[in-house]
């Protein structure tokens, strides 16, 4: 039963990763890393398929081996975070300053963390 739950979680994470390929606001690789982790516990076959995948495998391998992120991924993440903050500021303005300030600080912290990771 536990194996089935890990597989289900892996499929859901993989599906979210695929959605992230289509939606620029949603990440892809973090969901694929979660899928690989779940499938490592639930299905060696799916885990091996994902790790050896032509497009997804290298990013997952870089993370697993060196906790590294490709520079293009860092740039894309930074751009998407900047667009998100800009859009939020544009639509909410100063009406929700108590909400916006922590959001901006959180996004800055994430950007600093991402850029401190080694390049893949």
PDB file of N, CA and C in Angstrom:
ATOM      1  N   UNK A   1       0.821  -1.203   0.000  1.00  0.00           N
ATOM      2  CA  UNK A   1       0.000   0.000   0.000  1.00  0.00           C
ATOM      3  C   UNK A   1       0.863   1.265   0.000  1.00  0.00           C
ATOM      4  N   UNK A   2       1.914   1.262   0.809  1.00  0.00           N
ATOM      5  CA  UNK A   2       2.787   2.432   0.878  1.00  0.00           C
ATOM      6  C   UNK A   2       3.440   2.704  -0.473  1.00  0.00           C
ATOM      7  N   UNK A   3       3.825   1.632  -1.156  1.00  0.00           N
ATOM      8  CA  UNK A   3       4.446   1.776  -2.468  1.00  0.00           C
ATOM      9  C   UNK A   3       3.509   2.484  -3.443  1.00  0.00           C
ATOM     10  N   UNK A   4       2.240   2.161  -3.364  1.00  0.00           N
ATOM     11  CA  UNK A   4       1.257   2.791  -4.253  1.00  0.00           C
ATOM     12  C   UNK A   4       1.119   4.285  -3.952  1.00  0.00           C
ATOM     13  N   UNK A   5       1.200   4.644  -2.690  1.00  0.00           N
ATOM     14  CA  UNK A   5       1.122   6.063  -2.327  1.00  0.00           C
ATOM     15  C   UNK A   5       2.338   6.829  -2.841  1.00  0.00           C
ATOM     16  N   UNK A   6       3.523   6.216  -2.746  1.00  0.00           N
ATOM     17  CA  UNK A   6       4.724   6.860  -3.286  1.00  0.00           C
ATOM     18  C   UNK A   6       4.603   7.036  -4.798  1.00  0.00           C
ATOM     19  N   UNK A   7       4.075   6.013  -5.459  1.00  0.00           N
ATOM     20  CA  UNK A   7       3.893   6.111  -6.913  1.00  0.00           C
ATOM     21  C   UNK A   7       2.890   7.201  -7.272  1.00  0.00           C
ATOM     22  N   UNK A   8       1.799   7.270  -6.539  1.00  0.00           N
ATOM     23  CA  UNK A   8       0.797   8.304  -6.786  1.00  0.00           C
ATOM     24  C   UNK A   8       1.396   9.695  -6.575  1.00  0.00           C
ATOM     25  N   UNK A   9       2.134   9.861  -5.491  1.00  0.00           N
ATOM     26  CA  UNK A   9       2.783  11.151  -5.232  1.00  0.00           C
ATOM     27  C   UNK A   9       3.776  11.478  -6.348  1.00  0.00           C
ATOM     28  N   UNK A  10       4.498  10.470  -6.826  1.00  0.00           N
ATOM     29  CA  UNK A  10       5.437  10.678  -7.924  1.00  0.00           C
ATOM     30  C   UNK A  10       4.736  11.112  -9.201  1.00  0.00           C
ATOM     31  N   UNK A  11       3.621  10.475  -9.508  1.00  0.00           N
ATOM     32  CA  UNK A  11       2.870  10.851 -10.710  1.00  0.00           C
ATOM     33  C   UNK A  11       2.295  12.259 -10.591  1.00  0.00           C
ATOM     34  N   UNK A  12       1.805  12.609  -9.409  1.00  0.00           N
ATOM     35  CA  UNK A  12       1.275  13.966  -9.222  1.00  0.00           C
ATOM     36  C   UNK A  12       2.386  15.006  -9.370  1.00  0.00           C
ATOM     37  N   UNK A  13       3.542  14.732  -8.778  1.00  0.00           N
ATOM     38  CA  UNK A  13       4.667  15.665  -8.901  1.00  0.00           C
ATOM     39  C   UNK A  13       5.121  15.764 -10.356  1.00  0.00           C
ATOM     40  N   UNK A  14       5.162  14.629 -11.039  1.00  0.00           N
ATOM     41  CA  UNK A  14       5.562  14.641 -12.447  1.00  0.00           C
ATOM     42  C   UNK A  14       4.562  15.437 -13.282  1.00  0.00           C
ATOM     43  N   UNK A  15       3.284  15.257 -13.010  1.00  0.00           N
ATOM     44  CA  UNK A  15       2.247  16.006 -13.725  1.00  0.00           C
ATOM     45  C   UNK A  15       2.399  17.510 -13.485  1.00  0.00           C
ATOM     46  N   UNK A  16       2.658  17.893 -12.242  1.00  0.00           N
ATOM     47  CA  UNK A  16       2.877  19.312 -11.949  1.00  0.00           C
ATOM     48  C   UNK A  16       4.120  19.835 -12.670  1.00  0.00           C
ATOM     49  N   UNK A  17       5.143  19.000 -12.770  1.00  0.00           N
ATOM     50  CA  UNK A  17       6.335  19.389 -13.519  1.00  0.00           C
ATOM     51  C   UNK A  17       6.033  19.600 -14.994  1.00  0.00           C
ATOM     52  N   UNK A  18       5.205  18.729 -15.563  1.00  0.00           N
ATOM     53  CA  UNK A  18       4.814  18.899 -16.966  1.00  0.00           C
ATOM     54  C   UNK A  18       3.995  20.169 -17.163  1.00  0.00           C
ATOM     55  N   UNK A  19       3.126  20.456 -16.216  1.00  0.00           N
ATOM     56  CA  UNK A  19       2.353  21.700 -16.292  1.00  0.00           C
ATOM     57  C   UNK A  19       3.307  22.892 -16.233  1.00  0.00           C
ATOM     58  N   UNK A  20       4.362  22.753 -15.431  1.00  0.00           N
ATOM     59  CA  UNK A  20       5.359  23.812 -15.332  1.00  0.00           C
ATOM     60  C   UNK A  20       6.085  24.075 -16.643  1.00  0.00           C
ATOM     61  N   UNK A  21       6.145  23.070 -17.505  1.00  0.00           N
ATOM     62  CA  UNK A  21       6.741  23.295 -18.825  1.00  0.00           C
ATOM     63  C   UNK A  21       5.899  24.257 -19.656  1.00  0.00           C
ATOM     64  N   UNK A  22       4.598  24.228 -19.424  1.00  0.00           N
ATOM     65  CA  UNK A  22       3.676  25.039 -20.220  1.00  0.00           C
ATOM     66  C   UNK A  22       3.377  26.397 -19.600  1.00  0.00           C
ATOM     67  N   UNK A  23       3.429  26.472 -18.281  1.00  0.00           N
ATOM     68  CA  UNK A  23       3.115  27.723 -17.593  1.00  0.00           C
ATOM     69  C   UNK A  23       4.402  28.358 -17.072  1.00  0.00           C
ATOM     70  N   UNK A  24       4.734  29.534 -17.543  1.00  0.00           N
ATOM     71  CA  UNK A  24       5.996  30.149 -17.133  1.00  0.00           C
ATOM     72  C   UNK A  24       6.051  30.521 -15.651  1.00  0.00           C
ATOM     73  N   UNK A  25       4.929  30.613 -15.004  1.00  0.00           N
ATOM     74  CA  UNK A  25       4.916  31.021 -13.599  1.00  0.00           C
ATOM     75  C   UNK A  25       5.189  29.842 -12.659  1.00  0.00           C
ATOM     76  N   UNK A  26       5.134  28.629 -13.202  1.00  0.00           N
ATOM     77  CA  UNK A  26       5.268  27.432 -12.375  1.00  0.00           C
ATOM     78  C   UNK A  26       6.587  26.721 -12.674  1.00  0.00           C
ATOM     79  N   UNK A  27       7.315  26.306 -11.644  1.00  0.00           N
ATOM     80  CA  UNK A  27       8.597  25.637 -11.892  1.00  0.00           C
ATOM     81  C   UNK A  27       8.408  24.209 -12.398  1.00  0.00           C
ATOM     82  N   UNK A  28       9.431  23.686 -13.022  1.00  0.00           N
ATOM     83  CA  UNK A  28       9.394  22.315 -13.533  1.00  0.00           C
ATOM     84  C   UNK A  28      10.312  21.403 -12.739  1.00  0.00           C
ATOM     85  N   UNK A  29      11.568  21.770 -12.663  1.00  0.00           N
ATOM     86  CA  UNK A  29      12.584  20.880 -12.097  1.00  0.00           C
ATOM     87  C   UNK A  29      12.315  20.508 -10.639  1.00  0.00           C
ATOM     88  N   UNK A  30      11.884  21.428  -9.768  1.00  0.00           N
ATOM     89  CA  UNK A  30      11.623  20.991  -8.391  1.00  0.00           C
ATOM     90  C   UNK A  30      10.582  19.868  -8.311  1.00  0.00           C
ATOM     91  N   UNK A  31       9.567  19.942  -9.143  1.00  0.00           N
ATOM     92  CA  UNK A  31       8.557  18.884  -9.141  1.00  0.00           C
ATOM     93  C   UNK A  31       9.129  17.576  -9.685  1.00  0.00           C
ATOM     94  N   UNK A  32      10.020  17.675 -10.660  1.00  0.00           N
ATOM     95  CA  UNK A  32      10.646  16.462 -11.190  1.00  0.00           C
ATOM     96  C   UNK A  32      11.578  15.836 -10.157  1.00  0.00           C
ATOM     97  N   UNK A  33      12.245  16.657  -9.373  1.00  0.00           N
ATOM     98  CA  UNK A  33      13.097  16.133  -8.299  1.00  0.00           C
ATOM     99  C   UNK A  33      12.240  15.413  -7.265  1.00  0.00           C
ATOM    100  N   UNK A  34      11.099  15.993  -6.929  1.00  0.00           N
ATOM    101  CA  UNK A  34      10.182  15.336  -5.988  1.00  0.00           C
ATOM    102  C   UNK A  34       9.662  14.030  -6.583  1.00  0.00           C
ATOM    103  N   UNK A  35       9.338  14.045  -7.873  1.00  0.00           N
ATOM    104  CA  UNK A  35       8.865  12.817  -8.531  1.00  0.00           C
ATOM    105  C   UNK A  35       9.939  11.736  -8.471  1.00  0.00           C
ATOM    106  N   UNK A  36      11.180  12.111  -8.747  1.00  0.00           N
ATOM    107  CA  UNK A  36      12.274  11.129  -8.691  1.00  0.00           C
ATOM    108  C   UNK A  36      12.426  10.570  -7.284  1.00  0.00           C
ATOM    109  N   UNK A  37      12.308  11.424  -6.291  1.00  0.00           N
ATOM    110  CA  UNK A  37      12.421  10.988  -4.897  1.00  0.00           C
ATOM    111  C   UNK A  37      11.297  10.016  -4.540  1.00  0.00           C
ATOM    112  N   UNK A  38      10.081  10.360  -4.937  1.00  0.00           N
ATOM    113  CA  UNK A  38       8.937   9.481  -4.653  1.00  0.00           C
ATOM    114  C   UNK A  38       9.081   8.148  -5.377  1.00  0.00           C
ATOM    115  N   UNK A  39       9.462   8.213  -6.642  1.00  0.00           N
ATOM    116  CA  UNK A  39       9.583   6.977  -7.410  1.00  0.00           C
ATOM    117  C   UNK A  39      10.761   6.132  -6.953  1.00  0.00           C
ATOM    118  N   UNK A  40      11.771   6.746  -6.362  1.00  0.00           N
ATOM    119  CA  UNK A  40      12.872   5.954  -5.806  1.00  0.00           C
ATOM    120  C   UNK A  40      12.356   5.069  -4.678  1.00  0.00           C
ATOM    121  N   UNK A  41      11.315   5.516  -4.001  1.00  0.00           N
ATOM    122  CA  UNK A  41      10.729   4.737  -2.913  1.00  0.00           C
ATOM    123  C   UNK A  41       9.608   3.816  -3.385  1.00  0.00           C
ATOM    124  N   UNK A  42       8.989   4.152  -4.530  1.00  0.00           N
ATOM    125  CA  UNK A  42       7.818   3.397  -4.948  1.00  0.00           C
ATOM    126  C   UNK A  42       7.984   2.557  -6.197  1.00  0.00           C
ATOM    127  N   UNK A  43       8.771   3.030  -7.156  1.00  0.00           N
ATOM    128  CA  UNK A  43       8.881   2.314  -8.423  1.00  0.00           C
ATOM    129  C   UNK A  43      10.274   2.501  -9.025  1.00  0.00           C
ATOM    130  N   UNK A  44      11.131   1.515  -8.859  1.00  0.00           N
ATOM    131  CA  UNK A  44      12.460   1.622  -9.468  1.00  0.00           C
ATOM    132  C   UNK A  44      12.399   1.823 -10.983  1.00  0.00           C
ATOM    133  N   UNK A  45      11.388   1.254 -11.616  1.00  0.00           N
ATOM    134  CA  UNK A  45      11.257   1.386 -13.066  1.00  0.00           C
ATOM    135  C   UNK A  45      11.017   2.839 -13.480  1.00  0.00           C
ATOM    136  N   UNK A  46      10.058   3.515 -12.833  1.00  0.00           N
ATOM    137  CA  UNK A  46       9.780   4.916 -13.170  1.00  0.00           C
ATOM    138  C   UNK A  46      10.941   5.816 -12.753  1.00  0.00           C
ATOM    139  N   UNK A  47      11.555   5.501 -11.629  1.00  0.00           N
ATOM    140  CA  UNK A  47      12.703   6.285 -11.171  1.00  0.00           C
ATOM    141  C   UNK A  47      13.827   6.222 -12.201  1.00  0.00           C
ATOM    142  N   UNK A  48      14.138   5.037 -12.651  1.00  0.00           N
ATOM    143  CA  UNK A  48      15.193   4.858 -13.652  1.00  0.00           C
ATOM    144  C   UNK A  48      14.827   5.593 -14.943  1.00  0.00           C
ATOM    145  N   UNK A  49      13.568   5.495 -15.361  1.00  0.00           N
ATOM    146  CA  UNK A  49      13.125   6.181 -16.580  1.00  0.00           C
ATOM    147  C   UNK A  49      13.331   7.692 -16.463  1.00  0.00           C
ATOM    148  N   UNK A  50      12.964   8.249 -15.316  1.00  0.00           N
ATOM    149  CA  UNK A  50      13.083   9.695 -15.135  1.00  0.00           C
ATOM    150  C   UNK A  50      14.544  10.123 -15.055  1.00  0.00           C
ATOM    151  N   UNK A  51      15.348   9.385 -14.333  1.00  0.00           N
ATOM    152  CA  UNK A  51      16.768   9.722 -14.188  1.00  0.00           C
ATOM    153  C   UNK A  51      17.499   9.612 -15.529  1.00  0.00           C
ATOM    154  N   UNK A  52      17.101   8.662 -16.348  1.00  0.00           N
ATOM    155  CA  UNK A  52      17.764   8.455 -17.642  1.00  0.00           C
ATOM    156  C   UNK A  52      17.094   9.216 -18.786  1.00  0.00           C
ATOM    157  N   UNK A  53      16.065   9.984 -18.482  1.00  0.00           N
ATOM    158  CA  UNK A  53      15.343  10.716 -19.522  1.00  0.00           C
ATOM    159  C   UNK A  53      16.268  11.728 -20.195  1.00  0.00           C
ATOM    160  N   UNK A  54      16.139  11.833 -21.495  1.00  0.00           N
ATOM    161  CA  UNK A  54      17.009  12.701 -22.291  1.00  0.00           C
ATOM    162  C   UNK A  54      16.932  14.165 -21.852  1.00  0.00           C
ATOM    163  N   UNK A  55      15.743  14.659 -21.541  1.00  0.00           N
ATOM    164  CA  UNK A  55      15.579  16.076 -21.205  1.00  0.00           C
ATOM    165  C   UNK A  55      15.564  16.331 -19.701  1.00  0.00           C
ATOM    166  N   UNK A  56      14.911  15.475 -18.955  1.00  0.00           N
ATOM    167  CA  UNK A  56      14.752  15.709 -17.519  1.00  0.00           C
ATOM    168  C   UNK A  56      15.924  15.186 -16.696  1.00  0.00           C
ATOM    169  N   UNK A  57      16.556  14.136 -17.165  1.00  0.00           N
ATOM    170  CA  UNK A  57      17.596  13.459 -16.400  1.00  0.00           C
ATOM    171  C   UNK A  57      18.776  14.324 -15.989  1.00  0.00           C
ATOM    172  N   UNK A  58      19.354  15.119 -16.906  1.00  0.00           N
ATOM    173  CA  UNK A  58      20.538  15.897 -16.519  1.00  0.00           C
ATOM    174  C   UNK A  58      20.295  16.881 -15.370  1.00  0.00           C
ATOM    175  N   UNK A  59      19.160  17.542 -15.357  1.00  0.00           N
ATOM    176  CA  UNK A  59      18.877  18.498 -14.280  1.00  0.00           C
ATOM    177  C   UNK A  59      18.719  17.777 -12.943  1.00  0.00           C
ATOM    178  N   UNK A  60      18.066  16.629 -12.974  1.00  0.00           N
ATOM    179  CA  UNK A  60      17.880  15.858 -11.743  1.00  0.00           C
ATOM    180  C   UNK A  60      19.221  15.310 -11.264  1.00  0.00           C
ATOM    181  N   UNK A  61      20.025  14.825 -12.193  1.00  0.00           N
ATOM    182  CA  UNK A  61      21.340  14.289 -11.829  1.00  0.00           C
ATOM    183  C   UNK A  61      22.231  15.385 -11.237  1.00  0.00           C
ATOM    184  N   UNK A  62      22.207  16.571 -11.834  1.00  0.00           N
ATOM    185  CA  UNK A  62      23.019  17.682 -11.314  1.00  0.00           C
ATOM    186  C   UNK A  62      22.605  18.029  -9.889  1.00  0.00           C
ATOM    187  N   UNK A  63      21.308  18.003  -9.628  1.00  0.00           N
ATOM    188  CA  UNK A  63      20.833  18.307  -8.282  1.00  0.00           C
ATOM    189  C   UNK A  63      21.228  17.195  -7.307  1.00  0.00           C
ATOM    190  N   UNK A  64      21.030  15.952  -7.713  1.00  0.00           N
ATOM    191  CA  UNK A  64      21.339  14.831  -6.823  1.00  0.00           C
ATOM    192  C   UNK A  64      22.826  14.732  -6.508  1.00  0.00           C
ATOM    193  N   UNK A  65      23.664  15.004  -7.490  1.00  0.00           N
ATOM    194  CA  UNK A  65      25.101  14.818  -7.309  1.00  0.00           C
ATOM    195  C   UNK A  65      25.782  16.007  -6.645  1.00  0.00           C
ATOM    196  N   UNK A  66      25.398  17.230  -7.042  1.00  0.00           N
ATOM    197  CA  UNK A  66      26.137  18.405  -6.570  1.00  0.00           C
ATOM    198  C   UNK A  66      25.254  19.513  -6.014  1.00  0.00           C
ATOM    199  N   UNK A  67      23.956  19.272  -5.935  1.00  0.00           N
ATOM    200  CA  UNK A  67      23.018  20.328  -5.541  1.00  0.00           C
ATOM    201  C   UNK A  67      23.233  21.556  -6.427  1.00  0.00           C
ATOM    202  N   UNK A  68      23.379  21.297  -7.722  1.00  0.00           N
ATOM    203  CA  UNK A  68      23.679  22.347  -8.691  1.00  0.00           C
ATOM    204  C   UNK A  68      22.457  22.636  -9.559  1.00  0.00           C
ATOM    205  N   UNK A  69      22.382  23.884 -10.013  1.00  0.00           N
ATOM    206  CA  UNK A  69      21.295  24.337 -10.880  1.00  0.00           C
ATOM    207  C   UNK A  69      21.932  24.990 -12.108  1.00  0.00           C
ATOM    208  N   UNK A  70      21.453  24.658 -13.307  1.00  0.00           N
ATOM    209  CA  UNK A  70      22.019  25.302 -14.500  1.00  0.00           C
ATOM    210  C   UNK A  70      21.815  26.819 -14.458  1.00  0.00           C
ATOM    211  N   UNK A  71      22.777  27.537 -15.002  1.00  0.00           N
ATOM    212  CA  UNK A  71      22.685  29.002 -15.015  1.00  0.00           C
ATOM    213  C   UNK A  71      21.406  29.460 -15.721  1.00  0.00           C
ATOM    214  N   UNK A  72      21.030  28.759 -16.781  1.00  0.00           N
ATOM    215  CA  UNK A  72      19.793  29.133 -17.483  1.00  0.00           C
ATOM    216  C   UNK A  72      18.579  28.980 -16.567  1.00  0.00           C
ATOM    217  N   UNK A  73      18.606  27.980 -15.700  1.00  0.00           N
ATOM    218  CA  UNK A  73      17.525  27.804 -14.737  1.00  0.00           C
ATOM    219  C   UNK A  73      17.497  28.915 -13.704  1.00  0.00           C
ATOM    220  N   UNK A  74      18.673  29.356 -13.297  1.00  0.00           N
ATOM    221  CA  UNK A  74      18.753  30.464 -12.342  1.00  0.00           C
ATOM    222  C   UNK A  74      18.205  31.746 -12.963  1.00  0.00           C
ATOM    223  N   UNK A  75      18.567  31.976 -14.208  1.00  0.00           N
ATOM    224  CA  UNK A  75      18.086  33.179 -14.899  1.00  0.00           C
ATOM    225  C   UNK A  75      16.572  33.114 -15.075  1.00  0.00           C
ATOM    226  N   UNK A  76      16.077  31.960 -15.504  1.00  0.00           N
ATOM    227  CA  UNK A  76      14.630  31.806 -15.697  1.00  0.00           C
ATOM    228  C   UNK A  76      13.884  31.982 -14.377  1.00  0.00           C
ATOM    229  N   UNK A  77      14.403  31.391 -13.308  1.00  0.00           N
ATOM    230  CA  UNK A  77      13.752  31.525 -12.000  1.00  0.00           C
ATOM    231  C   UNK A  77      13.746  32.983 -11.553  1.00  0.00           C
ATOM    232  N   UNK A  78      14.854  33.665 -11.746  1.00  0.00           N
ATOM    233  CA  UNK A  78      14.936  35.073 -11.344  1.00  0.00           C
ATOM    234  C   UNK A  78      13.963  35.934 -12.140  1.00  0.00           C
ATOM    235  N   UNK A  79      13.892  35.685 -13.432  1.00  0.00           N
ATOM    236  CA  UNK A  79      12.967  36.458 -14.268  1.00  0.00           C
ATOM    237  C   UNK A  79      11.513  36.214 -13.863  1.00  0.00           C
ATOM    238  N   UNK A  80      11.171  34.959 -13.627  1.00  0.00           N
ATOM    239  CA  UNK A  80       9.793  34.646 -13.247  1.00  0.00           C
ATOM    240  C   UNK A  80       9.445  35.238 -11.881  1.00  0.00           C
ATOM    241  N   UNK A  81      10.392  35.193 -10.955  1.00  0.00           N
ATOM    242  CA  UNK A  81      10.141  35.796  -9.646  1.00  0.00           C
ATOM    243  C   UNK A  81       9.986  37.309  -9.773  1.00  0.00           C
ATOM    244  N   UNK A  82      10.817  37.925 -10.597  1.00  0.00           N
ATOM    245  CA  UNK A  82      10.716  39.375 -10.800  1.00  0.00           C
ATOM    246  C   UNK A  82       9.386  39.744 -11.453  1.00  0.00           C
ATOM    247  N   UNK A  83       8.963  38.957 -12.426  1.00  0.00           N
ATOM    248  CA  UNK A  83       7.671  39.210 -13.073  1.00  0.00           C
ATOM    249  C   UNK A  83       6.536  39.040 -12.062  1.00  0.00           C
ATOM    250  N   UNK A  84       6.632  38.034 -11.224  1.00  0.00           N
ATOM    251  CA  UNK A  84       5.590  37.806 -10.216  1.00  0.00           C
ATOM    252  C   UNK A  84       5.487  38.977  -9.245  1.00  0.00           C
ATOM    253  N   UNK A  85       6.634  39.436  -8.760  1.00  0.00           N
ATOM    254  CA  UNK A  85       6.626  40.560  -7.824  1.00  0.00           C
ATOM    255  C   UNK A  85       6.116  41.821  -8.512  1.00  0.00           C
ATOM    256  N   UNK A  86       6.585  42.063  -9.719  1.00  0.00           N
ATOM    257  CA  UNK A  86       6.154  43.261 -10.447  1.00  0.00           C
ATOM    258  C   UNK A  86       4.653  43.251 -10.697  1.00  0.00           C
ATOM    259  N   UNK A  87       4.142  42.103 -11.092  1.00  0.00           N
ATOM    260  CA  UNK A  87       2.704  41.986 -11.341  1.00  0.00           C
ATOM    261  C   UNK A  87       1.911  42.210 -10.059  1.00  0.00           C
ATOM    262  N   UNK A  88       2.387  41.618  -8.979  1.00  0.00           N
ATOM    263  CA  UNK A  88       1.712  41.795  -7.692  1.00  0.00           C
ATOM    264  C   UNK A  88       1.720  43.260  -7.272  1.00  0.00           C
ATOM    265  N   UNK A  89       2.867  43.902  -7.397  1.00  0.00           N
ATOM    266  CA  UNK A  89       2.957  45.323  -7.030  1.00  0.00           C
ATOM    267  C   UNK A  89       2.057  46.180  -7.916  1.00  0.00           C
ATOM    268  N   UNK A  90       2.005  45.858  -9.184  1.00  0.00           N
ATOM    269  CA  UNK A  90       1.188  46.631 -10.113  1.00  0.00           C
ATOM    270  C   UNK A  90      -0.297  46.540  -9.755  1.00  0.00           C
ATOM    271  N   UNK A  91      -0.756  45.326  -9.497  1.00  0.00           N
ATOM    272  CA  UNK A  91      -2.184  45.144  -9.251  1.00  0.00           C
ATOM    273  C   UNK A  91      -2.610  45.488  -7.824  1.00  0.00           C
ATOM    274  N   UNK A  92      -1.741  45.267  -6.865  1.00  0.00           N
ATOM    275  CA  UNK A  92      -2.129  45.530  -5.481  1.00  0.00           C
ATOM    276  C   UNK A  92      -1.675  46.900  -4.990  1.00  0.00           C
ATOM    277  N   UNK A  93      -0.608  47.403  -5.581  1.00  0.00           N
ATOM    278  CA  UNK A  93      -0.118  48.714  -5.165  1.00  0.00           C
ATOM    279  C   UNK A  93       0.235  48.739  -3.695  1.00  0.00           C
ATOM    280  N   UNK A  94       0.000  49.862  -3.061  1.00  0.00           N
ATOM    281  CA  UNK A  94       0.344  49.982  -1.642  1.00  0.00           C
ATOM    282  C   UNK A  94      -0.832  49.643  -0.724  1.00  0.00           C
ATOM    283  N   UNK A  95      -1.932  49.176  -1.298  1.00  0.00           N
ATOM    284  CA  UNK A  95      -3.098  48.834  -0.477  1.00  0.00           C
ATOM    285  C   UNK A  95      -2.827  47.662   0.451  1.00  0.00           C
ATOM    286  N   UNK A  96      -2.005  46.742   0.003  1.00  0.00           N
ATOM    287  CA  UNK A  96      -1.735  45.536   0.784  1.00  0.00           C
ATOM    288  C   UNK A  96      -0.258  45.450   1.148  1.00  0.00           C
ATOM    289  N   UNK A  97       0.291  46.540   1.645  1.00  0.00           N
ATOM    290  CA  UNK A  97       1.715  46.603   1.960  1.00  0.00           C
ATOM    291  C   UNK A  97       2.120  45.515   2.952  1.00  0.00           C
ATOM    292  N   UNK A  98       1.260  45.220   3.908  1.00  0.00           N
ATOM    293  CA  UNK A  98       1.572  44.191   4.907  1.00  0.00           C
ATOM    294  C   UNK A  98       1.712  42.815   4.258  1.00  0.00           C
ATOM    295  N   UNK A  99       1.078  42.608   3.127  1.00  0.00           N
ATOM    296  CA  UNK A  99       1.199  41.352   2.393  1.00  0.00           C
ATOM    297  C   UNK A  99       2.391  41.395   1.438  1.00  0.00           C
ATOM    298  N   UNK A 100       2.597  42.526   0.808  1.00  0.00           N
ATOM    299  CA  UNK A 100       3.615  42.637  -0.236  1.00  0.00           C
ATOM    300  C   UNK A 100       5.031  42.609   0.338  1.00  0.00           C
ATOM    301  N   UNK A 101       5.265  43.277   1.441  1.00  0.00           N
ATOM    302  CA  UNK A 101       6.618  43.330   2.002  1.00  0.00           C
ATOM    303  C   UNK A 101       7.162  41.940   2.338  1.00  0.00           C
ATOM    304  N   UNK A 102       6.424  41.101   3.066  1.00  0.00           N
ATOM    305  CA  UNK A 102       6.953  39.750   3.315  1.00  0.00           C
ATOM    306  C   UNK A 102       7.142  38.949   2.026  1.00  0.00           C
ATOM    307  N   UNK A 103       6.265  39.155   1.061  1.00  0.00           N
ATOM    308  CA  UNK A 103       6.391  38.465  -0.221  1.00  0.00           C
ATOM    309  C   UNK A 103       7.690  38.859  -0.917  1.00  0.00           C
ATOM    310  N   UNK A 104       7.971  40.139  -0.954  1.00  0.00           N
ATOM    311  CA  UNK A 104       9.197  40.620  -1.593  1.00  0.00           C
ATOM    312  C   UNK A 104      10.425  40.082  -0.856  1.00  0.00           C
ATOM    313  N   UNK A 105      10.393  40.100   0.461  1.00  0.00           N
ATOM    314  CA  UNK A 105      11.526  39.587   1.240  1.00  0.00           C
ATOM    315  C   UNK A 105      11.723  38.088   1.009  1.00  0.00           C
ATOM    316  N   UNK A 106      10.634  37.351   0.933  1.00  0.00           N
ATOM    317  CA  UNK A 106      10.724  35.915   0.668  1.00  0.00           C
ATOM    318  C   UNK A 106      11.315  35.651  -0.713  1.00  0.00           C
ATOM    319  N   UNK A 107      10.862  36.389  -1.695  1.00  0.00           N
ATOM    320  CA  UNK A 107      11.358  36.194  -3.056  1.00  0.00           C
ATOM    321  C   UNK A 107      12.833  36.584  -3.151  1.00  0.00           C
ATOM    322  N   UNK A 108      13.227  37.637  -2.467  1.00  0.00           N
ATOM    323  CA  UNK A 108      14.649  37.999  -2.444  1.00  0.00           C
ATOM    324  C   UNK A 108      15.483  36.896  -1.801  1.00  0.00           C
ATOM    325  N   UNK A 109      14.974  36.323  -0.726  1.00  0.00           N
ATOM    326  CA  UNK A 109      15.693  35.230  -0.061  1.00  0.00           C
ATOM    327  C   UNK A 109      15.826  34.027  -0.994  1.00  0.00           C
ATOM    328  N   UNK A 110      14.775  33.705  -1.718  1.00  0.00           N
ATOM    329  CA  UNK A 110      14.824  32.584  -2.662  1.00  0.00           C
ATOM    330  C   UNK A 110      15.829  32.872  -3.774  1.00  0.00           C
ATOM    331  N   UNK A 111      15.819  34.088  -4.292  1.00  0.00           N
ATOM    332  CA  UNK A 111      16.757  34.433  -5.365  1.00  0.00           C
ATOM    333  C   UNK A 111      18.205  34.358  -4.881  1.00  0.00           C
ATOM    334  N   UNK A 112      18.459  34.834  -3.681  1.00  0.00           N
ATOM    335  CA  UNK A 112      19.818  34.753  -3.126  1.00  0.00           C
ATOM    336  C   UNK A 112      20.225  33.293  -2.971  1.00  0.00           C
ATOM    337  N   UNK A 113      19.315  32.473  -2.452  1.00  0.00           N
ATOM    338  CA  UNK A 113      19.620  31.052  -2.271  1.00  0.00           C
ATOM    339  C   UNK A 113      19.916  30.387  -3.612  1.00  0.00           C
ATOM    340  N   UNK A 114      19.095  30.643  -4.615  1.00  0.00           N
ATOM    341  CA  UNK A 114      19.283  30.015  -5.926  1.00  0.00           C
ATOM    342  C   UNK A 114      20.627  30.418  -6.531  1.00  0.00           C
ATOM    343  N   UNK A 115      20.973  31.692  -6.438  1.00  0.00           N
ATOM    344  CA  UNK A 115      22.218  32.150  -7.057  1.00  0.00           C
ATOM    345  C   UNK A 115      23.455  31.715  -6.282  1.00  0.00           C
ATOM    346  N   UNK A 116      23.286  31.295  -5.045  1.00  0.00           N
ATOM    347  CA  UNK A 116      24.433  30.783  -4.278  1.00  0.00           C
ATOM    348  C   UNK A 116      24.712  29.315  -4.578  1.00  0.00           C
ATOM    349  N   UNK A 117      23.772  28.636  -5.204  1.00  0.00           N
ATOM    350  CA  UNK A 117      23.986  27.237  -5.575  1.00  0.00           C
ATOM    351  C   UNK A 117      25.003  27.160  -6.708  1.00  0.00           C
ATOM    352  N   UNK A 118      25.766  26.067  -6.775  1.00  0.00           N
ATOM    353  CA  UNK A 118      26.723  25.935  -7.880  1.00  0.00           C
ATOM    354  C   UNK A 118      26.016  25.796  -9.224  1.00  0.00           C
ATOM    355  N   UNK A 119      26.706  26.226 -10.271  1.00  0.00           N
ATOM    356  CA  UNK A 119      26.179  26.069 -11.631  1.00  0.00           C
ATOM    357  C   UNK A 119      26.345  24.623 -12.080  1.00  0.00           C
ATOM    358  N   UNK A 120      25.333  24.137 -12.770  1.00  0.00           N
ATOM    359  CA  UNK A 120      25.401  22.759 -13.288  1.00  0.00           C
ATOM    360  C   UNK A 120      26.120  22.741 -14.615  1.00  0.00           C
TER     361      UNK A 120
END
